[in-house]
């Protein structure tokens, strides 16, 4: 089994001006295991095929992750931010399934606790 140690990106929506809401990302470090490691090439509208992984990462969850798992947007793994496509609560762990490369907002804050 492959070990995982990396950042998880959580989205927080804030009002930046009256009636204007933006998504901000907070990163937190977590450890766990990669329990499924698979990839596929997906043909689409692009000229080149898109790499999509179908990996599952089991993370030992803390109270923050349990409270805000619905805000998880990405996992940083192997030097790339991957979109989280599914989260399964399996106490004391969360199972995160990742898919394509994450292209959303980047982190503005990091909580290394």
C-alpha atoms as a PDB file:
ATOM      1  CA  UNK A   1       0.000   0.000   0.000  1.00  0.00           C
ATOM      2  CA  UNK A   2       1.249   3.468  -0.907  1.00  0.00           C
ATOM      3  CA  UNK A   3       1.378   6.098   1.835  1.00  0.00           C
ATOM      4  CA  UNK A   4      -0.211   9.504   1.351  1.00  0.00           C
ATOM      5  CA  UNK A   5       1.011  12.746   2.873  1.00  0.00           C
ATOM      6  CA  UNK A   6      -0.284  15.927   1.348  1.00  0.00           C
ATOM      7  CA  UNK A   7      -2.596  18.892   1.421  1.00  0.00           C
ATOM      8  CA  UNK A   8      -6.356  18.925   1.211  1.00  0.00           C
ATOM      9  CA  UNK A   9      -8.019  22.107  -0.083  1.00  0.00           C
ATOM     10  CA  UNK A  10     -11.205  23.327   1.620  1.00  0.00           C
ATOM     11  CA  UNK A  11     -13.418  26.011   0.047  1.00  0.00           C
ATOM     12  CA  UNK A  12     -14.896  28.800   2.110  1.00  0.00           C
ATOM     13  CA  UNK A  13     -17.297  31.312   0.567  1.00  0.00           C
ATOM     14  CA  UNK A  14     -16.879  34.914   1.736  1.00  0.00           C
ATOM     15  CA  UNK A  15     -18.606  38.154   0.840  1.00  0.00           C
ATOM     16  CA  UNK A  16     -15.893  40.399  -0.629  1.00  0.00           C
ATOM     17  CA  UNK A  17     -18.214  43.311  -1.450  1.00  0.00           C
ATOM     18  CA  UNK A  18     -21.925  43.831  -0.940  1.00  0.00           C
ATOM     19  CA  UNK A  19     -23.591  41.050  -2.924  1.00  0.00           C
ATOM     20  CA  UNK A  20     -20.280  39.676  -4.259  1.00  0.00           C
ATOM     21  CA  UNK A  21     -19.260  36.229  -2.985  1.00  0.00           C
ATOM     22  CA  UNK A  22     -15.927  34.530  -3.686  1.00  0.00           C
ATOM     23  CA  UNK A  23     -14.554  31.121  -2.876  1.00  0.00           C
ATOM     24  CA  UNK A  24     -11.335  31.086  -0.835  1.00  0.00           C
ATOM     25  CA  UNK A  25      -9.247  27.973  -0.283  1.00  0.00           C
ATOM     26  CA  UNK A  26      -7.705  26.847   3.001  1.00  0.00           C
ATOM     27  CA  UNK A  27      -5.179  24.000   2.831  1.00  0.00           C
ATOM     28  CA  UNK A  28      -4.558  21.531   5.639  1.00  0.00           C
ATOM     29  CA  UNK A  29      -2.029  18.690   5.745  1.00  0.00           C
ATOM     30  CA  UNK A  30      -3.205  15.111   6.203  1.00  0.00           C
ATOM     31  CA  UNK A  31      -1.732  11.619   6.136  1.00  0.00           C
ATOM     32  CA  UNK A  32      -3.211   8.346   5.029  1.00  0.00           C
ATOM     33  CA  UNK A  33      -3.003   5.600   2.438  1.00  0.00           C
ATOM     34  CA  UNK A  34      -3.640   5.342  -1.299  1.00  0.00           C
ATOM     35  CA  UNK A  35      -5.885   2.292  -1.429  1.00  0.00           C
ATOM     36  CA  UNK A  36      -6.736   2.410  -5.137  1.00  0.00           C
ATOM     37  CA  UNK A  37      -4.302   3.673  -7.769  1.00  0.00           C
ATOM     38  CA  UNK A  38      -5.726   3.735 -11.300  1.00  0.00           C
ATOM     39  CA  UNK A  39      -5.803   6.069 -14.280  1.00  0.00           C
ATOM     40  CA  UNK A  40      -7.491   6.387 -17.654  1.00  0.00           C
ATOM     41  CA  UNK A  41      -7.325   8.623 -20.704  1.00  0.00           C
ATOM     42  CA  UNK A  42     -10.605  10.353 -21.481  1.00  0.00           C
ATOM     43  CA  UNK A  43     -11.427  11.542 -24.991  1.00  0.00           C
ATOM     44  CA  UNK A  44     -13.451  14.707 -25.115  1.00  0.00           C
ATOM     45  CA  UNK A  45     -13.657  18.017 -26.895  1.00  0.00           C
ATOM     46  CA  UNK A  46      -9.899  18.587 -26.544  1.00  0.00           C
ATOM     47  CA  UNK A  47      -7.428  17.707 -29.268  1.00  0.00           C
ATOM     48  CA  UNK A  48      -5.482  15.566 -26.821  1.00  0.00           C
ATOM     49  CA  UNK A  49      -6.939  13.065 -24.386  1.00  0.00           C
ATOM     50  CA  UNK A  50      -7.290  14.123 -20.754  1.00  0.00           C
ATOM     51  CA  UNK A  51      -5.691  12.130 -17.944  1.00  0.00           C
ATOM     52  CA  UNK A  52      -8.207  11.161 -15.284  1.00  0.00           C
ATOM     53  CA  UNK A  53      -7.229   9.232 -12.187  1.00  0.00           C
ATOM     54  CA  UNK A  54      -9.640   7.113 -10.235  1.00  0.00           C
ATOM     55  CA  UNK A  55      -7.615   6.890  -7.062  1.00  0.00           C
ATOM     56  CA  UNK A  56      -9.000   6.475  -3.594  1.00  0.00           C
ATOM     57  CA  UNK A  57      -7.162   7.960  -0.629  1.00  0.00           C
ATOM     58  CA  UNK A  58      -7.992   6.928   2.921  1.00  0.00           C
ATOM     59  CA  UNK A  59      -7.259   9.783   5.329  1.00  0.00           C
ATOM     60  CA  UNK A  60      -7.243   9.570   9.100  1.00  0.00           C
ATOM     61  CA  UNK A  61      -9.734  12.337   9.824  1.00  0.00           C
ATOM     62  CA  UNK A  62      -9.663  14.947  12.557  1.00  0.00           C
ATOM     63  CA  UNK A  63     -12.623  16.936  13.875  1.00  0.00           C
ATOM     64  CA  UNK A  64     -12.074  19.684  11.270  1.00  0.00           C
ATOM     65  CA  UNK A  65     -12.240  17.225   8.375  1.00  0.00           C
ATOM     66  CA  UNK A  66     -15.391  15.597   9.769  1.00  0.00           C
ATOM     67  CA  UNK A  67     -17.033  18.998  10.218  1.00  0.00           C
ATOM     68  CA  UNK A  68     -16.098  20.418   6.803  1.00  0.00           C
ATOM     69  CA  UNK A  69     -15.739  17.408   4.500  1.00  0.00           C
ATOM     70  CA  UNK A  70     -18.476  18.860   2.270  1.00  0.00           C
ATOM     71  CA  UNK A  71     -16.112  21.804   1.552  1.00  0.00           C
ATOM     72  CA  UNK A  72     -13.245  19.627   0.253  1.00  0.00           C
ATOM     73  CA  UNK A  73     -12.340  20.628  -3.313  1.00  0.00           C
ATOM     74  CA  UNK A  74      -8.996  18.972  -4.010  1.00  0.00           C
ATOM     75  CA  UNK A  75      -6.159  16.777  -2.806  1.00  0.00           C
ATOM     76  CA  UNK A  76      -2.545  17.562  -3.624  1.00  0.00           C
ATOM     77  CA  UNK A  77      -0.895  14.287  -4.591  1.00  0.00           C
ATOM     78  CA  UNK A  78       2.256  13.576  -6.608  1.00  0.00           C
ATOM     79  CA  UNK A  79       2.804  17.308  -7.149  1.00  0.00           C
ATOM     80  CA  UNK A  80      -0.632  17.951  -8.675  1.00  0.00           C
ATOM     81  CA  UNK A  81      -3.948  19.154  -7.285  1.00  0.00           C
ATOM     82  CA  UNK A  82      -6.666  16.592  -8.117  1.00  0.00           C
ATOM     83  CA  UNK A  83     -10.408  17.268  -7.846  1.00  0.00           C
ATOM     84  CA  UNK A  84     -12.226  15.263  -5.205  1.00  0.00           C
ATOM     85  CA  UNK A  85     -15.183  13.546  -6.876  1.00  0.00           C
ATOM     86  CA  UNK A  86     -16.544  11.530  -3.949  1.00  0.00           C
ATOM     87  CA  UNK A  87     -16.146  11.368  -0.178  1.00  0.00           C
ATOM     88  CA  UNK A  88     -17.214   8.421   1.948  1.00  0.00           C
ATOM     89  CA  UNK A  89     -17.303   8.665   5.744  1.00  0.00           C
ATOM     90  CA  UNK A  90     -15.848   5.474   7.208  1.00  0.00           C
ATOM     91  CA  UNK A  91     -14.862   6.441  10.772  1.00  0.00           C
ATOM     92  CA  UNK A  92     -12.152   7.024  11.846  1.00  0.00           C
ATOM     93  CA  UNK A  93     -11.259   7.687   8.214  1.00  0.00           C
ATOM     94  CA  UNK A  94     -12.641   9.473   5.181  1.00  0.00           C
ATOM     95  CA  UNK A  95     -12.255   7.848   1.776  1.00  0.00           C
ATOM     96  CA  UNK A  96     -11.616  10.487  -0.902  1.00  0.00           C
ATOM     97  CA  UNK A  97     -11.945   9.552  -4.566  1.00  0.00           C
ATOM     98  CA  UNK A  98     -10.058  11.840  -6.920  1.00  0.00           C
ATOM     99  CA  UNK A  99     -10.600  12.433 -10.632  1.00  0.00           C
ATOM    100  CA  UNK A 100      -9.236  15.051 -13.008  1.00  0.00           C
ATOM    101  CA  UNK A 101      -6.821  17.896 -12.444  1.00  0.00           C
ATOM    102  CA  UNK A 102      -8.258  20.654 -10.239  1.00  0.00           C
ATOM    103  CA  UNK A 103      -8.552  24.012 -12.040  1.00  0.00           C
ATOM    104  CA  UNK A 104     -10.463  26.048  -9.451  1.00  0.00           C
ATOM    105  CA  UNK A 105      -9.326  28.756  -7.053  1.00  0.00           C
ATOM    106  CA  UNK A 106      -5.894  28.293  -5.479  1.00  0.00           C
ATOM    107  CA  UNK A 107      -5.109  28.510  -1.788  1.00  0.00           C
ATOM    108  CA  UNK A 108      -4.924  31.851  -0.055  1.00  0.00           C
ATOM    109  CA  UNK A 109      -4.336  30.407   3.408  1.00  0.00           C
ATOM    110  CA  UNK A 110      -2.651  27.374   4.883  1.00  0.00           C
ATOM    111  CA  UNK A 111      -3.265  25.745   8.235  1.00  0.00           C
ATOM    112  CA  UNK A 112      -0.355  23.418   8.906  1.00  0.00           C
ATOM    113  CA  UNK A 113      -1.838  21.964  12.078  1.00  0.00           C
END
